[in-house]
Structure formats: C-alpha cells, structure tokens
Amino acid sequence: MTVRMAKVCCNQLRIRAHNFYEKQGMSKFHYKFTMNLHNEEIKENRLGI
C-alpha cells in the first residue's frame, strides 16, 4: 500500500496549528459544517469560548 495523502482536522481557534500545517506544505481547501440535531447546547465546539 502506498500513502498518497495526509489529512488533518483541527478547530478554527487553533491558529498556531494552522500555521504549522501550512509551513509543512499543507493547504486549507474546505470548510466543515455541523449542526446539533438534539436541542442540547454543546459548548466545546463553539467559536469564541
């Protein structure tokens, strides 16, 4: 088996991580959208917290 691509996911708030990945030659090219289907507030993934 040959590895052809590596993908990494990280929170939008992790600016230093984004800079690190870009310095390694990686590119940002998509957004990920999520929606809570239960009427529960989930704080850990909200921006600004």
N, C-alpha and C. Protein backbone atom coordinates (compact mmCIF):
# COMPACT_ATOMS: atom_id res chain seq x y z
N MET A 1 0.84 -1.18 0.00
CA MET A 1 0.00 0.00 0.00
C MET A 1 0.89 1.25 0.00
N THR A 2 0.50 2.23 -0.79
CA THR A 2 1.22 3.49 -0.87
C THR A 2 0.35 4.61 -0.31
N VAL A 3 0.92 5.38 0.61
CA VAL A 3 0.20 6.53 1.16
C VAL A 3 0.37 7.69 0.19
N ARG A 4 -0.76 8.27 -0.23
CA ARG A 4 -0.71 9.35 -1.22
C ARG A 4 -1.12 10.70 -0.66
N MET A 5 -1.83 10.71 0.46
CA MET A 5 -2.30 11.98 1.00
C MET A 5 -2.48 11.86 2.51
N ALA A 6 -2.19 12.95 3.19
CA ALA A 6 -2.46 13.04 4.63
C ALA A 6 -3.46 14.16 4.84
N LYS A 7 -4.45 13.94 5.71
CA LYS A 7 -5.45 14.95 6.04
C LYS A 7 -5.42 15.18 7.54
N VAL A 8 -5.58 16.43 7.95
CA VAL A 8 -5.60 16.80 9.36
C VAL A 8 -6.80 17.71 9.60
N CYS A 9 -7.51 17.49 10.68
CA CYS A 9 -8.62 18.35 11.08
C CYS A 9 -8.25 19.02 12.40
N CYS A 10 -8.54 20.30 12.52
CA CYS A 10 -8.34 20.97 13.80
C CYS A 10 -9.32 22.13 13.91
N ASN A 11 -9.57 22.55 15.12
CA ASN A 11 -10.51 23.61 15.43
C ASN A 11 -10.05 24.93 14.82
N GLN A 12 -11.02 25.78 14.40
CA GLN A 12 -10.69 27.07 13.82
C GLN A 12 -9.89 27.96 14.76
N LEU A 13 -10.03 27.76 16.05
CA LEU A 13 -9.33 28.60 17.02
C LEU A 13 -7.85 28.27 17.14
N ARG A 14 -7.40 27.17 16.57
CA ARG A 14 -6.01 26.73 16.72
C ARG A 14 -5.12 27.34 15.64
N ILE A 15 -4.95 28.64 15.71
CA ILE A 15 -4.20 29.39 14.70
C ILE A 15 -2.76 28.90 14.60
N ARG A 16 -2.11 28.63 15.73
CA ARG A 16 -0.72 28.15 15.69
C ARG A 16 -0.62 26.81 14.98
N ALA A 17 -1.61 25.94 15.18
CA ALA A 17 -1.62 24.65 14.48
C ALA A 17 -1.78 24.87 12.98
N HIS A 18 -2.66 25.79 12.59
CA HIS A 18 -2.85 26.08 11.16
C HIS A 18 -1.54 26.55 10.55
N ASN A 19 -0.85 27.45 11.24
CA ASN A 19 0.42 27.95 10.73
C ASN A 19 1.44 26.83 10.59
N PHE A 20 1.48 25.93 11.56
CA PHE A 20 2.40 24.79 11.50
C PHE A 20 2.12 23.93 10.27
N TYR A 21 0.85 23.57 10.05
CA TYR A 21 0.50 22.71 8.92
C TYR A 21 0.81 23.39 7.59
N GLU A 22 0.56 24.69 7.50
CA GLU A 22 0.87 25.41 6.27
C GLU A 22 2.37 25.44 6.02
N LYS A 23 3.18 25.58 7.08
CA LYS A 23 4.64 25.56 6.93
C LYS A 23 5.14 24.19 6.48
N GLN A 24 4.37 23.14 6.77
CA GLN A 24 4.72 21.79 6.33
C GLN A 24 4.32 21.54 4.88
N GLY A 25 3.67 22.53 4.24
CA GLY A 25 3.27 22.41 2.85
C GLY A 25 1.81 22.01 2.65
N MET A 26 1.05 21.95 3.74
CA MET A 26 -0.37 21.58 3.62
C MET A 26 -1.19 22.81 3.22
N SER A 27 -2.36 22.58 2.62
CA SER A 27 -3.24 23.65 2.18
C SER A 27 -4.61 23.53 2.83
N LYS A 28 -5.22 24.70 3.10
CA LYS A 28 -6.61 24.72 3.57
C LYS A 28 -7.48 24.80 2.32
N PHE A 29 -8.45 23.89 2.20
CA PHE A 29 -9.27 23.95 0.99
C PHE A 29 -10.73 23.59 1.19
N HIS A 30 -11.20 23.40 2.43
CA HIS A 30 -12.63 23.19 2.63
C HIS A 30 -13.05 23.58 4.04
N TYR A 31 -14.34 23.73 4.20
CA TYR A 31 -14.95 24.00 5.49
C TYR A 31 -15.75 22.78 5.92
N LYS A 32 -15.91 22.61 7.20
CA LYS A 32 -16.74 21.55 7.74
C LYS A 32 -17.86 22.20 8.54
N PHE A 33 -19.09 21.86 8.22
CA PHE A 33 -20.24 22.41 8.91
C PHE A 33 -20.89 21.33 9.77
N THR A 34 -21.35 21.71 10.95
CA THR A 34 -22.02 20.76 11.84
C THR A 34 -23.30 21.39 12.37
N MET A 35 -24.22 20.55 12.78
CA MET A 35 -25.46 21.01 13.37
C MET A 35 -25.91 20.01 14.42
N ASN A 36 -26.26 20.52 15.58
CA ASN A 36 -26.75 19.68 16.66
C ASN A 36 -28.21 19.31 16.37
N LEU A 37 -28.51 18.03 16.29
CA LEU A 37 -29.85 17.57 16.00
C LEU A 37 -30.70 17.37 17.25
N HIS A 38 -30.08 17.51 18.40
CA HIS A 38 -30.80 17.45 19.67
C HIS A 38 -30.81 18.86 20.22
N ASN A 39 -31.82 19.27 20.87
CA ASN A 39 -31.92 20.64 21.37
C ASN A 39 -31.07 20.86 22.61
N GLU A 40 -29.86 20.33 22.59
CA GLU A 40 -28.92 20.48 23.70
C GLU A 40 -27.83 21.44 23.27
N GLU A 41 -27.41 22.30 24.18
CA GLU A 41 -26.33 23.22 23.88
C GLU A 41 -24.99 22.50 24.05
N ILE A 42 -24.16 22.54 23.03
CA ILE A 42 -22.83 21.94 23.07
C ILE A 42 -21.82 23.07 23.03
N LYS A 43 -21.17 23.34 24.15
CA LYS A 43 -20.28 24.49 24.26
C LYS A 43 -18.87 24.23 23.73
N GLU A 44 -18.40 23.00 23.76
CA GLU A 44 -16.99 22.77 23.47
C GLU A 44 -16.58 23.04 22.03
N ASN A 45 -17.53 23.11 21.07
CA ASN A 45 -17.18 23.36 19.68
C ASN A 45 -17.58 24.75 19.21
N ARG A 46 -18.05 25.59 20.09
CA ARG A 46 -18.44 26.94 19.69
C ARG A 46 -17.22 27.83 19.60
N LEU A 47 -17.19 28.67 18.60
CA LEU A 47 -16.09 29.63 18.47
C LEU A 47 -16.23 30.73 19.51
N GLY A 48 -15.10 31.20 20.00
CA GLY A 48 -15.12 32.28 20.94
C GLY A 48 -15.19 31.87 22.39
N ILE A 49 -15.26 30.59 22.67
CA ILE A 49 -15.31 30.12 24.07
C ILE A 49 -13.94 29.66 24.48
